[in-house]
Amino acid sequence: MLTQKEIEVLELRAKELTQIEVSKKLGISQAAVSNFEKNALRKIREARQTLEEAKRLGLK
């Protein structure tokens, strides 16, 4: 599950803001933005893999 901060970062990045712009807007470091983004994308990728595996196994 994504944290609120991860969602905020992804929403702002989807609006094509740079990591530096996001960091200024949220009042956090660029490194923190990078970590939130990286963790969120990893969670999304893992969730997709889980859904694909469940589908392959015939689970609903």
PDB file of N, CA and C in Angstrom:
ATOM      1  N   MET A   1       0.846  -1.179   0.000  1.00  0.00           N
ATOM      2  CA  MET A   1       0.000   0.000   0.000  1.00  0.00           C
ATOM      3  C   MET A   1       0.893   1.245   0.000  1.00  0.00           C
ATOM      4  N   LEU A   2       0.527   2.187  -0.811  1.00  0.00           N
ATOM      5  CA  LEU A   2       1.302   3.428  -0.906  1.00  0.00           C
ATOM      6  C   LEU A   2       0.995   4.349   0.271  1.00  0.00           C
ATOM      7  N   THR A   3       2.019   5.033   0.734  1.00  0.00           N
ATOM      8  CA  THR A   3       1.815   6.027   1.784  1.00  0.00           C
ATOM      9  C   THR A   3       1.259   7.306   1.154  1.00  0.00           C
ATOM     10  N   GLN A   4       0.734   8.164   1.977  1.00  0.00           N
ATOM     11  CA  GLN A   4       0.204   9.434   1.487  1.00  0.00           C
ATOM     12  C   GLN A   4       1.301  10.257   0.805  1.00  0.00           C
ATOM     13  N   LYS A   5       2.497  10.250   1.379  1.00  0.00           N
ATOM     14  CA  LYS A   5       3.606  11.018   0.807  1.00  0.00           C
ATOM     15  C   LYS A   5       4.016  10.443  -0.555  1.00  0.00           C
ATOM     16  N   GLU A   6       4.027   9.119  -0.676  1.00  0.00           N
ATOM     17  CA  GLU A   6       4.347   8.501  -1.968  1.00  0.00           C
ATOM     18  C   GLU A   6       3.324   8.903  -3.026  1.00  0.00           C
ATOM     19  N   ILE A   7       2.065   8.920  -2.637  1.00  0.00           N
ATOM     20  CA  ILE A   7       1.003   9.329  -3.569  1.00  0.00           C
ATOM     21  C   ILE A   7       1.189  10.791  -3.981  1.00  0.00           C
ATOM     22  N   GLU A   8       1.459  11.652  -3.009  1.00  0.00           N
ATOM     23  CA  GLU A   8       1.679  13.069  -3.307  1.00  0.00           C
ATOM     24  C   GLU A   8       2.830  13.258  -4.291  1.00  0.00           C
ATOM     25  N   VAL A   9       3.923  12.559  -4.051  1.00  0.00           N
ATOM     26  CA  VAL A   9       5.089  12.672  -4.921  1.00  0.00           C
ATOM     27  C   VAL A   9       4.737  12.197  -6.335  1.00  0.00           C
ATOM     28  N   LEU A  10       4.069  11.051  -6.453  1.00  0.00           N
ATOM     29  CA  LEU A  10       3.712  10.536  -7.781  1.00  0.00           C
ATOM     30  C   LEU A  10       2.757  11.476  -8.513  1.00  0.00           C
ATOM     31  N   GLU A  11       1.803  12.047  -7.777  1.00  0.00           N
ATOM     32  CA  GLU A  11       0.869  12.979  -8.402  1.00  0.00           C
ATOM     33  C   GLU A  11       1.603  14.201  -8.959  1.00  0.00           C
ATOM     34  N   LEU A  12       2.526  14.735  -8.185  1.00  0.00           N
ATOM     35  CA  LEU A  12       3.268  15.916  -8.641  1.00  0.00           C
ATOM     36  C   LEU A  12       4.212  15.563  -9.794  1.00  0.00           C
ATOM     37  N   ARG A  13       4.837  14.399  -9.723  1.00  0.00           N
ATOM     38  CA  ARG A  13       5.721  13.973 -10.815  1.00  0.00           C
ATOM     39  C   ARG A  13       4.905  13.731 -12.085  1.00  0.00           C
ATOM     40  N   ALA A  14       3.666  13.247 -11.938  1.00  0.00           N
ATOM     41  CA  ALA A  14       2.784  13.029 -13.095  1.00  0.00           C
ATOM     42  C   ALA A  14       2.424  14.353 -13.762  1.00  0.00           C
ATOM     43  N   LYS A  15       2.488  15.436 -12.994  1.00  0.00           N
ATOM     44  CA  LYS A  15       2.244  16.773 -13.543  1.00  0.00           C
ATOM     45  C   LYS A  15       3.513  17.349 -14.154  1.00  0.00           C
ATOM     46  N   GLU A  16       4.524  16.498 -14.289  1.00  0.00           N
ATOM     47  CA  GLU A  16       5.799  16.826 -14.925  1.00  0.00           C
ATOM     48  C   GLU A  16       6.662  17.794 -14.122  1.00  0.00           C
ATOM     49  N   LEU A  17       6.457  17.834 -12.799  1.00  0.00           N
ATOM     50  CA  LEU A  17       7.360  18.606 -11.953  1.00  0.00           C
ATOM     51  C   LEU A  17       8.644  17.797 -11.769  1.00  0.00           C
ATOM     52  N   THR A  18       9.762  18.478 -11.696  1.00  0.00           N
ATOM     53  CA  THR A  18      11.032  17.798 -11.433  1.00  0.00           C
ATOM     54  C   THR A  18      11.083  17.397  -9.960  1.00  0.00           C
ATOM     55  N   GLN A  19      12.029  16.530  -9.628  1.00  0.00           N
ATOM     56  CA  GLN A  19      12.189  16.145  -8.229  1.00  0.00           C
ATOM     57  C   GLN A  19      12.528  17.360  -7.367  1.00  0.00           C
ATOM     58  N   ILE A  20      13.303  18.267  -7.899  1.00  0.00           N
ATOM     59  CA  ILE A  20      13.654  19.473  -7.138  1.00  0.00           C
ATOM     60  C   ILE A  20      12.412  20.332  -6.910  1.00  0.00           C
ATOM     61  N   GLU A  21      11.574  20.476  -7.925  1.00  0.00           N
ATOM     62  CA  GLU A  21      10.331  21.251  -7.769  1.00  0.00           C
ATOM     63  C   GLU A  21       9.411  20.595  -6.753  1.00  0.00           C
ATOM     64  N   VAL A  22       9.318  19.279  -6.795  1.00  0.00           N
ATOM     65  CA  VAL A  22       8.485  18.548  -5.840  1.00  0.00           C
ATOM     66  C   VAL A  22       9.034  18.743  -4.423  1.00  0.00           C
ATOM     67  N   SER A  23      10.352  18.666  -4.286  1.00  0.00           N
ATOM     68  CA  SER A  23      10.948  18.815  -2.959  1.00  0.00           C
ATOM     69  C   SER A  23      10.639  20.191  -2.365  1.00  0.00           C
ATOM     70  N   LYS A  24      10.705  21.219  -3.194  1.00  0.00           N
ATOM     71  CA  LYS A  24      10.393  22.575  -2.718  1.00  0.00           C
ATOM     72  C   LYS A  24       8.924  22.692  -2.343  1.00  0.00           C
ATOM     73  N   LYS A  25       8.057  22.111  -3.169  1.00  0.00           N
ATOM     74  CA  LYS A  25       6.613  22.198  -2.932  1.00  0.00           C
ATOM     75  C   LYS A  25       6.209  21.475  -1.644  1.00  0.00           C
ATOM     76  N   LEU A  26       6.855  20.337  -1.383  1.00  0.00           N
ATOM     77  CA  LEU A  26       6.496  19.544  -0.207  1.00  0.00           C
ATOM     78  C   LEU A  26       7.364  19.850   1.015  1.00  0.00           C
ATOM     79  N   GLY A  27       8.413  20.641   0.831  1.00  0.00           N
ATOM     80  CA  GLY A  27       9.279  20.997   1.938  1.00  0.00           C
ATOM     81  C   GLY A  27      10.145  19.842   2.426  1.00  0.00           C
ATOM     82  N   ILE A  28      10.543  18.989   1.494  1.00  0.00           N
ATOM     83  CA  ILE A  28      11.417  17.862   1.821  1.00  0.00           C
ATOM     84  C   ILE A  28      12.610  17.887   0.874  1.00  0.00           C
ATOM     85  N   SER A  29      13.612  17.096   1.165  1.00  0.00           N
ATOM     86  CA  SER A  29      14.813  17.088   0.328  1.00  0.00           C
ATOM     87  C   SER A  29      14.559  16.378  -1.000  1.00  0.00           C
ATOM     88  N   GLN A  30      15.405  16.670  -1.968  1.00  0.00           N
ATOM     89  CA  GLN A  30      15.320  15.992  -3.264  1.00  0.00           C
ATOM     90  C   GLN A  30      15.589  14.503  -3.084  1.00  0.00           C
ATOM     91  N   ALA A  31      16.486  14.157  -2.179  1.00  0.00           N
ATOM     92  CA  ALA A  31      16.773  12.750  -1.914  1.00  0.00           C
ATOM     93  C   ALA A  31      15.534  12.030  -1.368  1.00  0.00           C
ATOM     94  N   ALA A  32      14.788  12.709  -0.516  1.00  0.00           N
ATOM     95  CA  ALA A  32      13.554  12.128   0.029  1.00  0.00           C
ATOM     96  C   ALA A  32      12.537  11.915  -1.086  1.00  0.00           C
ATOM     97  N   VAL A  33      12.413  12.885  -1.983  1.00  0.00           N
ATOM     98  CA  VAL A  33      11.500  12.747  -3.124  1.00  0.00           C
ATOM     99  C   VAL A  33      11.898  11.528  -3.951  1.00  0.00           C
ATOM    100  N   SER A  34      13.184  11.410  -4.211  1.00  0.00           N
ATOM    101  CA  SER A  34      13.688  10.275  -4.986  1.00  0.00           C
ATOM    102  C   SER A  34      13.345   8.953  -4.303  1.00  0.00           C
ATOM    103  N   ASN A  35      13.535   8.890  -2.996  1.00  0.00           N
ATOM    104  CA  ASN A  35      13.221   7.658  -2.259  1.00  0.00           C
ATOM    105  C   ASN A  35      11.734   7.347  -2.260  1.00  0.00           C
ATOM    106  N   PHE A  36      10.894   8.360  -2.042  1.00  0.00           N
ATOM    107  CA  PHE A  36       9.445   8.142  -2.075  1.00  0.00           C
ATOM    108  C   PHE A  36       9.015   7.633  -3.447  1.00  0.00           C
ATOM    109  N   GLU A  37       9.545   8.248  -4.487  1.00  0.00           N
ATOM    110  CA  GLU A  37       9.187   7.851  -5.847  1.00  0.00           C
ATOM    111  C   GLU A  37       9.656   6.423  -6.138  1.00  0.00           C
ATOM    112  N   LYS A  38      10.888   6.122  -5.795  1.00  0.00           N
ATOM    113  CA  LYS A  38      11.450   4.797  -6.039  1.00  0.00           C
ATOM    114  C   LYS A  38      10.661   3.723  -5.287  1.00  0.00           C
ATOM    115  N   ASN A  39      10.351   3.980  -4.024  1.00  0.00           N
ATOM    116  CA  ASN A  39       9.598   3.011  -3.229  1.00  0.00           C
ATOM    117  C   ASN A  39       8.188   2.814  -3.763  1.00  0.00           C
ATOM    118  N   ALA A  40       7.544   3.895  -4.166  1.00  0.00           N
ATOM    119  CA  ALA A  40       6.188   3.796  -4.702  1.00  0.00           C
ATOM    120  C   ALA A  40       6.171   2.982  -5.987  1.00  0.00           C
ATOM    121  N   LEU A  41       7.108   3.253  -6.878  1.00  0.00           N
ATOM    122  CA  LEU A  41       7.153   2.527  -8.141  1.00  0.00           C
ATOM    123  C   LEU A  41       7.472   1.047  -7.924  1.00  0.00           C
ATOM    124  N   ARG A  42       8.315   0.742  -6.932  1.00  0.00           N
ATOM    125  CA  ARG A  42       8.609  -0.651  -6.593  1.00  0.00           C
ATOM    126  C   ARG A  42       7.348  -1.351  -6.093  1.00  0.00           C
ATOM    127  N   LYS A  43       6.591  -0.685  -5.220  1.00  0.00           N
ATOM    128  CA  LYS A  43       5.355  -1.263  -4.690  1.00  0.00           C
ATOM    129  C   LYS A  43       4.345  -1.515  -5.802  1.00  0.00           C
ATOM    130  N   ILE A  44       4.231  -0.584  -6.726  1.00  0.00           N
ATOM    131  CA  ILE A  44       3.303  -0.736  -7.845  1.00  0.00           C
ATOM    132  C   ILE A  44       3.722  -1.917  -8.725  1.00  0.00           C
ATOM    133  N   ARG A  45       5.011  -1.997  -8.999  1.00  0.00           N
ATOM    134  CA  ARG A  45       5.535  -3.095  -9.824  1.00  0.00           C
ATOM    135  C   ARG A  45       5.262  -4.446  -9.137  1.00  0.00           C
ATOM    136  N   GLU A  46       5.507  -4.528  -7.840  1.00  0.00           N
ATOM    137  CA  GLU A  46       5.261  -5.764  -7.099  1.00  0.00           C
ATOM    138  C   GLU A  46       3.775  -6.119  -7.073  1.00  0.00           C
ATOM    139  N   ALA A  47       2.915  -5.132  -6.941  1.00  0.00           N
ATOM    140  CA  ALA A  47       1.471  -5.378  -6.946  1.00  0.00           C
ATOM    141  C   ALA A  47       1.018  -5.918  -8.297  1.00  0.00           C
ATOM    142  N   ARG A  48       1.553  -5.360  -9.365  1.00  0.00           N
ATOM    143  CA  ARG A  48       1.215  -5.857 -10.708  1.00  0.00           C
ATOM    144  C   ARG A  48       1.651  -7.309 -10.874  1.00  0.00           C
ATOM    145  N   GLN A  49       2.849  -7.622 -10.397  1.00  0.00           N
ATOM    146  CA  GLN A  49       3.359  -8.993 -10.495  1.00  0.00           C
ATOM    147  C   GLN A  49       2.473  -9.951  -9.698  1.00  0.00           C
ATOM    148  N   THR A  50       2.025  -9.519  -8.533  1.00  0.00           N
ATOM    149  CA  THR A  50       1.145 -10.343  -7.711  1.00  0.00           C
ATOM    150  C   THR A  50      -0.177 -10.582  -8.418  1.00  0.00           C
ATOM    151  N   LEU A  51      -0.742  -9.543  -9.012  1.00  0.00           N
ATOM    152  CA  LEU A  51      -2.001  -9.691  -9.743  1.00  0.00           C
ATOM    153  C   LEU A  51      -1.845 -10.622 -10.941  1.00  0.00           C
ATOM    154  N   GLU A  52      -0.743 -10.505 -11.653  1.00  0.00           N
ATOM    155  CA  GLU A  52      -0.499 -11.382 -12.793  1.00  0.00           C
ATOM    156  C   GLU A  52      -0.372 -12.841 -12.351  1.00  0.00           C
ATOM    157  N   GLU A  53       0.308 -13.060 -11.245  1.00  0.00           N
ATOM    158  CA  GLU A  53       0.463 -14.418 -10.720  1.00  0.00           C
ATOM    159  C   GLU A  53      -0.876 -14.981 -10.265  1.00  0.00           C
ATOM    160  N   ALA A  54      -1.670 -14.167  -9.595  1.00  0.00           N
ATOM    161  CA  ALA A  54      -3.007 -14.605  -9.153  1.00  0.00           C
ATOM    162  C   ALA A  54      -3.868 -14.968 -10.350  1.00  0.00           C
ATOM    163  N   LYS A  55      -3.792 -14.163 -11.393  1.00  0.00           N
ATOM    164  CA  LYS A  55      -4.562 -14.450 -12.608  1.00  0.00           C
ATOM    165  C   LYS A  55      -4.090 -15.763 -13.239  1.00  0.00           C
ATOM    166  N   ARG A  56      -2.788 -15.942 -13.282  1.00  0.00           N
ATOM    167  CA  ARG A  56      -2.209 -17.157 -13.860  1.00  0.00           C
ATOM    168  C   ARG A  56      -2.669 -18.406 -13.101  1.00  0.00           C
ATOM    169  N   LEU A  57      -2.826 -18.260 -11.783  1.00  0.00           N
ATOM    170  CA  LEU A  57      -3.274 -19.370 -10.943  1.00  0.00           C
ATOM    171  C   LEU A  57      -4.787 -19.539 -10.946  1.00  0.00           C
ATOM    172  N   GLY A  58      -5.480 -18.628 -11.614  1.00  0.00           N
ATOM    173  CA  GLY A  58      -6.935 -18.713 -11.680  1.00  0.00           C
ATOM    174  C   GLY A  58      -7.643 -18.193 -10.448  1.00  0.00           C
ATOM    175  N   LEU A  59      -6.949 -17.392  -9.658  1.00  0.00           N
ATOM    176  CA  LEU A  59      -7.565 -16.812  -8.457  1.00  0.00           C
ATOM    177  C   LEU A  59      -8.318 -15.547  -8.820  1.00  0.00           C
ATOM    178  N   LYS A  60      -9.339 -15.272  -8.060  1.00  0.00           N
ATOM    179  CA  LYS A  60     -10.124 -14.065  -8.318  1.00  0.00           C
ATOM    180  C   LYS A  60     -10.044 -13.116  -7.166  1.00  0.00           C
TER     181      LYS A  60
END
